[in-house]
Amino acid sequence: MLKAFADPARLRLLSLIQSAPEGEASVSDLTAPLGLSQPTVSHHLRILTEAGLLEREQRGVWAYYRLMPSAIAAVAELLTPPRKRATKKAR
């Protein structure tokens, strides 16, 4: 899962999807803001989906992607220093 986060374009994709209306976006919504081609964006989305960070829903010819909150929370937990984790759990 952390390998999927290692690419700056993938981090940007997660941010764009999070801030999109209704929290979801299609490839066509994401190519222009990233300045990448459709095949490249699709490749990054596939990696994020396979890592469990995104959920993909097919609607007709379009696929829409949305964040998986539990996976994002798991990564946040991994990136939180141990002392801060203990403080959060104590509250």
PDB file of N, CA and C in Angstrom:
ATOM      1  N   MET A   1       0.826  -1.185   0.000  1.00  0.00           N
ATOM      2  CA  MET A   1       0.000   0.000   0.000  1.00  0.00           C
ATOM      3  C   MET A   1       0.875   1.255   0.000  1.00  0.00           C
ATOM      4  N   LEU A   2       1.950   1.226   0.786  1.00  0.00           N
ATOM      5  CA  LEU A   2       2.818   2.401   0.841  1.00  0.00           C
ATOM      6  C   LEU A   2       3.536   2.643  -0.483  1.00  0.00           C
ATOM      7  N   LYS A   3       3.818   1.581  -1.234  1.00  0.00           N
ATOM      8  CA  LYS A   3       4.443   1.756  -2.542  1.00  0.00           C
ATOM      9  C   LYS A   3       3.545   2.566  -3.465  1.00  0.00           C
ATOM     10  N   ALA A   4       2.256   2.386  -3.342  1.00  0.00           N
ATOM     11  CA  ALA A   4       1.325   3.139  -4.176  1.00  0.00           C
ATOM     12  C   ALA A   4       1.394   4.633  -3.856  1.00  0.00           C
ATOM     13  N   PHE A   5       1.704   4.961  -2.614  1.00  0.00           N
ATOM     14  CA  PHE A   5       1.840   6.358  -2.191  1.00  0.00           C
ATOM     15  C   PHE A   5       3.158   6.974  -2.635  1.00  0.00           C
ATOM     16  N   ALA A   6       4.102   6.161  -3.080  1.00  0.00           N
ATOM     17  CA  ALA A   6       5.457   6.628  -3.358  1.00  0.00           C
ATOM     18  C   ALA A   6       5.560   7.544  -4.573  1.00  0.00           C
ATOM     19  N   ASP A   7       4.570   7.588  -5.412  1.00  0.00           N
ATOM     20  CA  ASP A   7       4.622   8.397  -6.620  1.00  0.00           C
ATOM     21  C   ASP A   7       3.864   9.707  -6.417  1.00  0.00           C
ATOM     22  N   PRO A   8       4.491  10.850  -6.732  1.00  0.00           N
ATOM     23  CA  PRO A   8       3.812  12.146  -6.551  1.00  0.00           C
ATOM     24  C   PRO A   8       2.508  12.273  -7.350  1.00  0.00           C
ATOM     25  N   ALA A   9       2.461  11.685  -8.542  1.00  0.00           N
ATOM     26  CA  ALA A   9       1.236  11.766  -9.346  1.00  0.00           C
ATOM     27  C   ALA A   9       0.093  11.025  -8.652  1.00  0.00           C
ATOM     28  N   ARG A  10       0.400   9.920  -7.984  1.00  0.00           N
ATOM     29  CA  ARG A  10      -0.647   9.170  -7.284  1.00  0.00           C
ATOM     30  C   ARG A  10      -1.149   9.926  -6.066  1.00  0.00           C
ATOM     31  N   LEU A  11      -0.252  10.588  -5.369  1.00  0.00           N
ATOM     32  CA  LEU A  11      -0.688  11.421  -4.236  1.00  0.00           C
ATOM     33  C   LEU A  11      -1.605  12.531  -4.726  1.00  0.00           C
ATOM     34  N   ARG A  12      -1.246  13.126  -5.838  1.00  0.00           N
ATOM     35  CA  ARG A  12      -2.071  14.195  -6.408  1.00  0.00           C
ATOM     36  C   ARG A  12      -3.437  13.644  -6.831  1.00  0.00           C
ATOM     37  N   LEU A  13      -3.451  12.436  -7.417  1.00  0.00           N
ATOM     38  CA  LEU A  13      -4.722  11.807  -7.793  1.00  0.00           C
ATOM     39  C   LEU A  13      -5.621  11.621  -6.579  1.00  0.00           C
ATOM     40  N   LEU A  14      -5.049  11.126  -5.492  1.00  0.00           N
ATOM     41  CA  LEU A  14      -5.845  10.934  -4.275  1.00  0.00           C
ATOM     42  C   LEU A  14      -6.422  12.260  -3.789  1.00  0.00           C
ATOM     43  N   SER A  15      -5.606  13.301  -3.848  1.00  0.00           N
ATOM     44  CA  SER A  15      -6.056  14.624  -3.426  1.00  0.00           C
ATOM     45  C   SER A  15      -7.171  15.148  -4.330  1.00  0.00           C
ATOM     46  N   LEU A  16      -7.009  14.981  -5.637  1.00  0.00           N
ATOM     47  CA  LEU A  16      -8.029  15.449  -6.585  1.00  0.00           C
ATOM     48  C   LEU A  16      -9.347  14.706  -6.398  1.00  0.00           C
ATOM     49  N   ILE A  17      -9.264  13.401  -6.187  1.00  0.00           N
ATOM     50  CA  ILE A  17     -10.493  12.620  -5.992  1.00  0.00           C
ATOM     51  C   ILE A  17     -11.168  13.009  -4.684  1.00  0.00           C
ATOM     52  N   GLN A  18     -10.388  13.189  -3.639  1.00  0.00           N
ATOM     53  CA  GLN A  18     -10.932  13.595  -2.338  1.00  0.00           C
ATOM     54  C   GLN A  18     -11.682  14.921  -2.439  1.00  0.00           C
ATOM     55  N   SER A  19     -11.130  15.852  -3.200  1.00  0.00           N
ATOM     56  CA  SER A  19     -11.733  17.185  -3.284  1.00  0.00           C
ATOM     57  C   SER A  19     -12.770  17.323  -4.401  1.00  0.00           C
ATOM     58  N   ALA A  20     -12.972  16.269  -5.185  1.00  0.00           N
ATOM     59  CA  ALA A  20     -13.947  16.311  -6.285  1.00  0.00           C
ATOM     60  C   ALA A  20     -15.375  16.360  -5.737  1.00  0.00           C
ATOM     61  N   PRO A  21     -16.299  16.922  -6.516  1.00  0.00           N
ATOM     62  CA  PRO A  21     -17.702  16.900  -6.098  1.00  0.00           C
ATOM     63  C   PRO A  21     -18.158  15.461  -5.846  1.00  0.00           C
ATOM     64  N   GLU A  22     -18.844  15.257  -4.776  1.00  0.00           N
ATOM     65  CA  GLU A  22     -19.329  13.941  -4.362  1.00  0.00           C
ATOM     66  C   GLU A  22     -18.201  12.949  -4.075  1.00  0.00           C
ATOM     67  N   GLY A  23     -16.959  13.429  -3.996  1.00  0.00           N
ATOM     68  CA  GLY A  23     -15.839  12.578  -3.629  1.00  0.00           C
ATOM     69  C   GLY A  23     -15.490  11.498  -4.629  1.00  0.00           C
ATOM     70  N   GLU A  24     -15.825  11.717  -5.897  1.00  0.00           N
ATOM     71  CA  GLU A  24     -15.487  10.742  -6.922  1.00  0.00           C
ATOM     72  C   GLU A  24     -15.131  11.452  -8.215  1.00  0.00           C
ATOM     73  N   ALA A  25     -14.347  10.755  -9.065  1.00  0.00           N
ATOM     74  CA  ALA A  25     -13.919  11.343 -10.328  1.00  0.00           C
ATOM     75  C   ALA A  25     -13.654  10.245 -11.346  1.00  0.00           C
ATOM     76  N   SER A  26     -13.765  10.607 -12.618  1.00  0.00           N
ATOM     77  CA  SER A  26     -13.436   9.688 -13.708  1.00  0.00           C
ATOM     78  C   SER A  26     -12.071  10.078 -14.273  1.00  0.00           C
ATOM     79  N   VAL A  27     -11.528   9.240 -15.116  1.00  0.00           N
ATOM     80  CA  VAL A  27     -10.228   9.522 -15.718  1.00  0.00           C
ATOM     81  C   VAL A  27     -10.259  10.858 -16.449  1.00  0.00           C
ATOM     82  N   SER A  28     -11.351  11.118 -17.154  1.00  0.00           N
ATOM     83  CA  SER A  28     -11.434  12.368 -17.914  1.00  0.00           C
ATOM     84  C   SER A  28     -11.421  13.598 -17.006  1.00  0.00           C
ATOM     85  N   ASP A  29     -11.865  13.450 -15.762  1.00  0.00           N
ATOM     86  CA  ASP A  29     -11.832  14.563 -14.800  1.00  0.00           C
ATOM     87  C   ASP A  29     -10.414  14.824 -14.294  1.00  0.00           C
ATOM     88  N   LEU A  30      -9.536  13.835 -14.425  1.00  0.00           N
ATOM     89  CA  LEU A  30      -8.235  13.897 -13.770  1.00  0.00           C
ATOM     90  C   LEU A  30      -7.063  14.170 -14.708  1.00  0.00           C
ATOM     91  N   THR A  31      -7.229  13.974 -16.004  1.00  0.00           N
ATOM     92  CA  THR A  31      -6.095  14.127 -16.916  1.00  0.00           C
ATOM     93  C   THR A  31      -5.594  15.574 -16.998  1.00  0.00           C
ATOM     94  N   ALA A  32      -6.488  16.532 -17.190  1.00  0.00           N
ATOM     95  CA  ALA A  32      -6.074  17.931 -17.324  1.00  0.00           C
ATOM     96  C   ALA A  32      -5.391  18.474 -16.064  1.00  0.00           C
ATOM     97  N   PRO A  33      -5.969  18.283 -14.869  1.00  0.00           N
ATOM     98  CA  PRO A  33      -5.308  18.828 -13.672  1.00  0.00           C
ATOM     99  C   PRO A  33      -3.913  18.237 -13.438  1.00  0.00           C
ATOM    100  N   LEU A  34      -3.709  16.993 -13.850  1.00  0.00           N
ATOM    101  CA  LEU A  34      -2.404  16.366 -13.668  1.00  0.00           C
ATOM    102  C   LEU A  34      -1.438  16.673 -14.802  1.00  0.00           C
ATOM    103  N   GLY A  35      -1.986  17.011 -15.970  1.00  0.00           N
ATOM    104  CA  GLY A  35      -1.130  17.244 -17.128  1.00  0.00           C
ATOM    105  C   GLY A  35      -0.526  15.953 -17.664  1.00  0.00           C
ATOM    106  N   LEU A  36      -1.217  14.845 -17.444  1.00  0.00           N
ATOM    107  CA  LEU A  36      -0.759  13.541 -17.911  1.00  0.00           C
ATOM    108  C   LEU A  36      -1.746  12.982 -18.921  1.00  0.00           C
ATOM    109  N   SER A  37      -1.288  12.044 -19.736  1.00  0.00           N
ATOM    110  CA  SER A  37      -2.162  11.428 -20.727  1.00  0.00           C
ATOM    111  C   SER A  37      -3.154  10.488 -20.056  1.00  0.00           C
ATOM    112  N   GLN A  38      -4.228  10.188 -20.773  1.00  0.00           N
ATOM    113  CA  GLN A  38      -5.252   9.285 -20.245  1.00  0.00           C
ATOM    114  C   GLN A  38      -4.687   7.913 -19.897  1.00  0.00           C
ATOM    115  N   PRO A  39      -3.846   7.292 -20.764  1.00  0.00           N
ATOM    116  CA  PRO A  39      -3.298   5.989 -20.383  1.00  0.00           C
ATOM    117  C   PRO A  39      -2.443   6.036 -19.114  1.00  0.00           C
ATOM    118  N   THR A  40      -1.701   7.118 -18.922  1.00  0.00           N
ATOM    119  CA  THR A  40      -0.865   7.250 -17.724  1.00  0.00           C
ATOM    120  C   THR A  40      -1.724   7.403 -16.480  1.00  0.00           C
ATOM    121  N   VAL A  41      -2.762   8.221 -16.553  1.00  0.00           N
ATOM    122  CA  VAL A  41      -3.671   8.399 -15.417  1.00  0.00           C
ATOM    123  C   VAL A  41      -4.361   7.075 -15.105  1.00  0.00           C
ATOM    124  N   SER A  42      -4.817   6.370 -16.129  1.00  0.00           N
ATOM    125  CA  SER A  42      -5.462   5.064 -15.927  1.00  0.00           C
ATOM    126  C   SER A  42      -4.522   4.078 -15.252  1.00  0.00           C
ATOM    127  N   HIS A  43      -3.262   4.096 -15.647  1.00  0.00           N
ATOM    128  CA  HIS A  43      -2.257   3.218 -15.037  1.00  0.00           C
ATOM    129  C   HIS A  43      -2.125   3.514 -13.537  1.00  0.00           C
ATOM    130  N   HIS A  44      -2.002   4.785 -13.186  1.00  0.00           N
ATOM    131  CA  HIS A  44      -1.875   5.170 -11.776  1.00  0.00           C
ATOM    132  C   HIS A  44      -3.134   4.807 -10.987  1.00  0.00           C
ATOM    133  N   LEU A  45      -4.300   5.012 -11.579  1.00  0.00           N
ATOM    134  CA  LEU A  45      -5.550   4.663 -10.911  1.00  0.00           C
ATOM    135  C   LEU A  45      -5.648   3.158 -10.674  1.00  0.00           C
ATOM    136  N   ARG A  46      -5.181   2.370 -11.633  1.00  0.00           N
ATOM    137  CA  ARG A  46      -5.193   0.915 -11.466  1.00  0.00           C
ATOM    138  C   ARG A  46      -4.305   0.501 -10.302  1.00  0.00           C
ATOM    139  N   ILE A  47      -3.130   1.105 -10.190  1.00  0.00           N
ATOM    140  CA  ILE A  47      -2.222   0.783  -9.082  1.00  0.00           C
ATOM    141  C   ILE A  47      -2.859   1.146  -7.745  1.00  0.00           C
ATOM    142  N   LEU A  48      -3.478   2.307  -7.674  1.00  0.00           N
ATOM    143  CA  LEU A  48      -4.134   2.727  -6.435  1.00  0.00           C
ATOM    144  C   LEU A  48      -5.319   1.829  -6.088  1.00  0.00           C
ATOM    145  N   THR A  49      -6.040   1.381  -7.105  1.00  0.00           N
ATOM    146  CA  THR A  49      -7.176   0.484  -6.882  1.00  0.00           C
ATOM    147  C   THR A  49      -6.693  -0.880  -6.398  1.00  0.00           C
ATOM    148  N   GLU A  50      -5.656  -1.416  -7.041  1.00  0.00           N
ATOM    149  CA  GLU A  50      -5.115  -2.712  -6.641  1.00  0.00           C
ATOM    150  C   GLU A  50      -4.523  -2.670  -5.236  1.00  0.00           C
ATOM    151  N   ALA A  51      -4.030  -1.502  -4.824  1.00  0.00           N
ATOM    152  CA  ALA A  51      -3.486  -1.345  -3.476  1.00  0.00           C
ATOM    153  C   ALA A  51      -4.594  -1.206  -2.433  1.00  0.00           C
ATOM    154  N   GLY A  52      -5.837  -1.071  -2.881  1.00  0.00           N
ATOM    155  CA  GLY A  52      -6.959  -0.953  -1.955  1.00  0.00           C
ATOM    156  C   GLY A  52      -7.236   0.461  -1.483  1.00  0.00           C
ATOM    157  N   LEU A  53      -6.607   1.437  -2.121  1.00  0.00           N
ATOM    158  CA  LEU A  53      -6.797   2.831  -1.717  1.00  0.00           C
ATOM    159  C   LEU A  53      -7.997   3.482  -2.404  1.00  0.00           C
ATOM    160  N   LEU A  54      -8.356   2.951  -3.560  1.00  0.00           N
ATOM    161  CA  LEU A  54      -9.497   3.471  -4.309  1.00  0.00           C
ATOM    162  C   LEU A  54     -10.490   2.362  -4.593  1.00  0.00           C
ATOM    163  N   GLU A  55     -11.712   2.775  -4.792  1.00  0.00           N
ATOM    164  CA  GLU A  55     -12.789   1.883  -5.200  1.00  0.00           C
ATOM    165  C   GLU A  55     -13.213   2.330  -6.596  1.00  0.00           C
ATOM    166  N   ARG A  56     -13.425   1.376  -7.496  1.00  0.00           N
ATOM    167  CA  ARG A  56     -13.787   1.678  -8.882  1.00  0.00           C
ATOM    168  C   ARG A  56     -15.218   1.219  -9.141  1.00  0.00           C
ATOM    169  N   GLU A  57     -16.026   2.107  -9.747  1.00  0.00           N
ATOM    170  CA  GLU A  57     -17.401   1.765 -10.095  1.00  0.00           C
ATOM    171  C   GLU A  57     -17.620   2.064 -11.572  1.00  0.00           C
ATOM    172  N   GLN A  58     -18.009   1.058 -12.319  1.00  0.00           N
ATOM    173  CA  GLN A  58     -18.267   1.208 -13.746  1.00  0.00           C
ATOM    174  C   GLN A  58     -19.701   1.674 -13.946  1.00  0.00           C
ATOM    175  N   ARG A  59     -19.872   2.761 -14.709  1.00  0.00           N
ATOM    176  CA  ARG A  59     -21.204   3.275 -15.060  1.00  0.00           C
ATOM    177  C   ARG A  59     -21.220   3.512 -16.562  1.00  0.00           C
ATOM    178  N   GLY A  60     -21.797   2.578 -17.278  1.00  0.00           N
ATOM    179  CA  GLY A  60     -21.774   2.670 -18.738  1.00  0.00           C
ATOM    180  C   GLY A  60     -20.344   2.536 -19.226  1.00  0.00           C
ATOM    181  N   VAL A  61     -19.908   3.500 -20.031  1.00  0.00           N
ATOM    182  CA  VAL A  61     -18.538   3.445 -20.549  1.00  0.00           C
ATOM    183  C   VAL A  61     -17.534   4.119 -19.617  1.00  0.00           C
ATOM    184  N   TRP A  62     -18.007   4.787 -18.580  1.00  0.00           N
ATOM    185  CA  TRP A  62     -17.131   5.518 -17.673  1.00  0.00           C
ATOM    186  C   TRP A  62     -16.912   4.748 -16.382  1.00  0.00           C
ATOM    187  N   ALA A  63     -15.708   4.861 -15.858  1.00  0.00           N
ATOM    188  CA  ALA A  63     -15.387   4.302 -14.543  1.00  0.00           C
ATOM    189  C   ALA A  63     -15.153   5.473 -13.597  1.00  0.00           C
ATOM    190  N   TYR A  64     -15.729   5.397 -12.422  1.00  0.00           N
ATOM    191  CA  TYR A  64     -15.573   6.444 -11.412  1.00  0.00           C
ATOM    192  C   TYR A  64     -14.803   5.875 -10.224  1.00  0.00           C
ATOM    193  N   TYR A  65     -13.941   6.692  -9.670  1.00  0.00           N
ATOM    194  CA  TYR A  65     -13.078   6.277  -8.568  1.00  0.00           C
ATOM    195  C   TYR A  65     -13.383   7.101  -7.337  1.00  0.00           C
ATOM    196  N   ARG A  66     -13.353   6.425  -6.175  1.00  0.00           N
ATOM    197  CA  ARG A  66     -13.550   7.124  -4.897  1.00  0.00           C
ATOM    198  C   ARG A  66     -12.605   6.499  -3.874  1.00  0.00           C
ATOM    199  N   LEU A  67     -12.227   7.312  -2.889  1.00  0.00           N
ATOM    200  CA  LEU A  67     -11.302   6.855  -1.847  1.00  0.00           C
ATOM    201  C   LEU A  67     -11.938   5.794  -0.967  1.00  0.00           C
ATOM    202  N   MET A  68     -11.118   4.891  -0.487  1.00  0.00           N
ATOM    203  CA  MET A  68     -11.527   3.891   0.498  1.00  0.00           C
ATOM    204  C   MET A  68     -11.094   4.436   1.863  1.00  0.00           C
ATOM    205  N   PRO A  69     -12.016   4.992   2.646  1.00  0.00           N
ATOM    206  CA  PRO A  69     -11.647   5.637   3.916  1.00  0.00           C
ATOM    207  C   PRO A  69     -10.858   4.733   4.868  1.00  0.00           C
ATOM    208  N   SER A  70     -11.200   3.461   4.923  1.00  0.00           N
ATOM    209  CA  SER A  70     -10.500   2.566   5.849  1.00  0.00           C
ATOM    210  C   SER A  70      -9.040   2.397   5.451  1.00  0.00           C
ATOM    211  N   ALA A  71      -8.758   2.348   4.153  1.00  0.00           N
ATOM    212  CA  ALA A  71      -7.376   2.209   3.695  1.00  0.00           C
ATOM    213  C   ALA A  71      -6.586   3.487   3.965  1.00  0.00           C
ATOM    214  N   ILE A  72      -7.209   4.625   3.735  1.00  0.00           N
ATOM    215  CA  ILE A  72      -6.528   5.904   3.994  1.00  0.00           C
ATOM    216  C   ILE A  72      -6.249   6.034   5.491  1.00  0.00           C
ATOM    217  N   ALA A  73      -7.188   5.617   6.325  1.00  0.00           N
ATOM    218  CA  ALA A  73      -6.983   5.665   7.779  1.00  0.00           C
ATOM    219  C   ALA A  73      -5.845   4.738   8.197  1.00  0.00           C
ATOM    220  N   ALA A  74      -5.734   3.582   7.561  1.00  0.00           N
ATOM    221  CA  ALA A  74      -4.652   2.642   7.885  1.00  0.00           C
ATOM    222  C   ALA A  74      -3.294   3.237   7.542  1.00  0.00           C
ATOM    223  N   VAL A  75      -3.204   3.911   6.412  1.00  0.00           N
ATOM    224  CA  VAL A  75      -1.943   4.552   6.029  1.00  0.00           C
ATOM    225  C   VAL A  75      -1.628   5.695   6.994  1.00  0.00           C
ATOM    226  N   ALA A  76      -2.632   6.477   7.355  1.00  0.00           N
ATOM    227  CA  ALA A  76      -2.417   7.574   8.312  1.00  0.00           C
ATOM    228  C   ALA A  76      -1.899   7.027   9.640  1.00  0.00           C
ATOM    229  N   GLU A  77      -2.439   5.898  10.070  1.00  0.00           N
ATOM    230  CA  GLU A  77      -1.986   5.266  11.310  1.00  0.00           C
ATOM    231  C   GLU A  77      -0.520   4.858  11.204  1.00  0.00           C
ATOM    232  N   LEU A  78      -0.134   4.309  10.051  1.00  0.00           N
ATOM    233  CA  LEU A  78       1.259   3.904   9.843  1.00  0.00           C
ATOM    234  C   LEU A  78       2.212   5.099   9.863  1.00  0.00           C
ATOM    235  N   LEU A  79       1.738   6.230   9.374  1.00  0.00           N
ATOM    236  CA  LEU A  79       2.593   7.415   9.274  1.00  0.00           C
ATOM    237  C   LEU A  79       2.589   8.271  10.539  1.00  0.00           C
ATOM    238  N   THR A  80       1.744   7.946  11.486  1.00  0.00           N
ATOM    239  CA  THR A  80       1.685   8.690  12.740  1.00  0.00           C
ATOM    240  C   THR A  80       2.760   8.154  13.688  1.00  0.00           C
ATOM    241  N   PRO A  81       3.589   9.053  14.241  1.00  0.00           N
ATOM    242  CA  PRO A  81       4.612   8.582  15.183  1.00  0.00           C
ATOM    243  C   PRO A  81       3.984   7.825  16.354  1.00  0.00           C
ATOM    244  N   PRO A  82       4.664   6.806  16.889  1.00  0.00           N
ATOM    245  CA  PRO A  82       4.100   5.985  17.974  1.00  0.00           C
ATOM    246  C   PRO A  82       3.607   6.781  19.178  1.00  0.00           C
ATOM    247  N   ARG A  83       4.317   7.826  19.580  1.00  0.00           N
ATOM    248  CA  ARG A  83       3.877   8.615  20.744  1.00  0.00           C
ATOM    249  C   ARG A  83       2.544   9.295  20.486  1.00  0.00           C
ATOM    250  N   LYS A  84       2.372   9.831  19.279  1.00  0.00           N
ATOM    251  CA  LYS A  84       1.112  10.507  18.955  1.00  0.00           C
ATOM    252  C   LYS A  84      -0.029   9.504  18.863  1.00  0.00           C
ATOM    253  N   ARG A  85       0.259   8.279  18.395  1.00  0.00           N
ATOM    254  CA  ARG A  85      -0.766   7.246  18.333  1.00  0.00           C
ATOM    255  C   ARG A  85      -1.261   6.917  19.735  1.00  0.00           C
ATOM    256  N   ALA A  86      -0.332   6.806  20.692  1.00  0.00           N
ATOM    257  CA  ALA A  86      -0.697   6.493  22.070  1.00  0.00           C
ATOM    258  C   ALA A  86      -1.554   7.610  22.672  1.00  0.00           C
ATOM    259  N   THR A  87      -1.238   8.857  22.341  1.00  0.00           N
ATOM    260  CA  THR A  87      -2.004   9.995  22.834  1.00  0.00           C
ATOM    261  C   THR A  87      -3.427   9.978  22.264  1.00  0.00           C
ATOM    262  N   LYS A  88      -3.543   9.680  20.970  1.00  0.00           N
ATOM    263  CA  LYS A  88      -4.864   9.636  20.332  1.00  0.00           C
ATOM    264  C   LYS A  88      -5.732   8.538  20.930  1.00  0.00           C
ATOM    265  N   LYS A  89      -5.139   7.374  21.207  1.00  0.00           N
ATOM    266  CA  LYS A  89      -5.903   6.260  21.771  1.00  0.00           C
ATOM    267  C   LYS A  89      -6.325   6.517  23.201  1.00  0.00           C
ATOM    268  N   ALA A  90      -5.538   7.298  23.936  1.00  0.00           N
ATOM    269  CA  ALA A  90      -5.847   7.580  25.336  1.00  0.00           C
ATOM    270  C   ALA A  90      -7.050   8.519  25.457  1.00  0.00           C
ATOM    271  N   ARG A  91      -7.312   9.307  24.423  1.00  0.00           N
ATOM    272  CA  ARG A  91      -8.420  10.272  24.480  1.00  0.00           C
ATOM    273  C   ARG A  91      -9.715   9.625  24.405  1.00  0.00           C
TER     274      ARG A  91
END
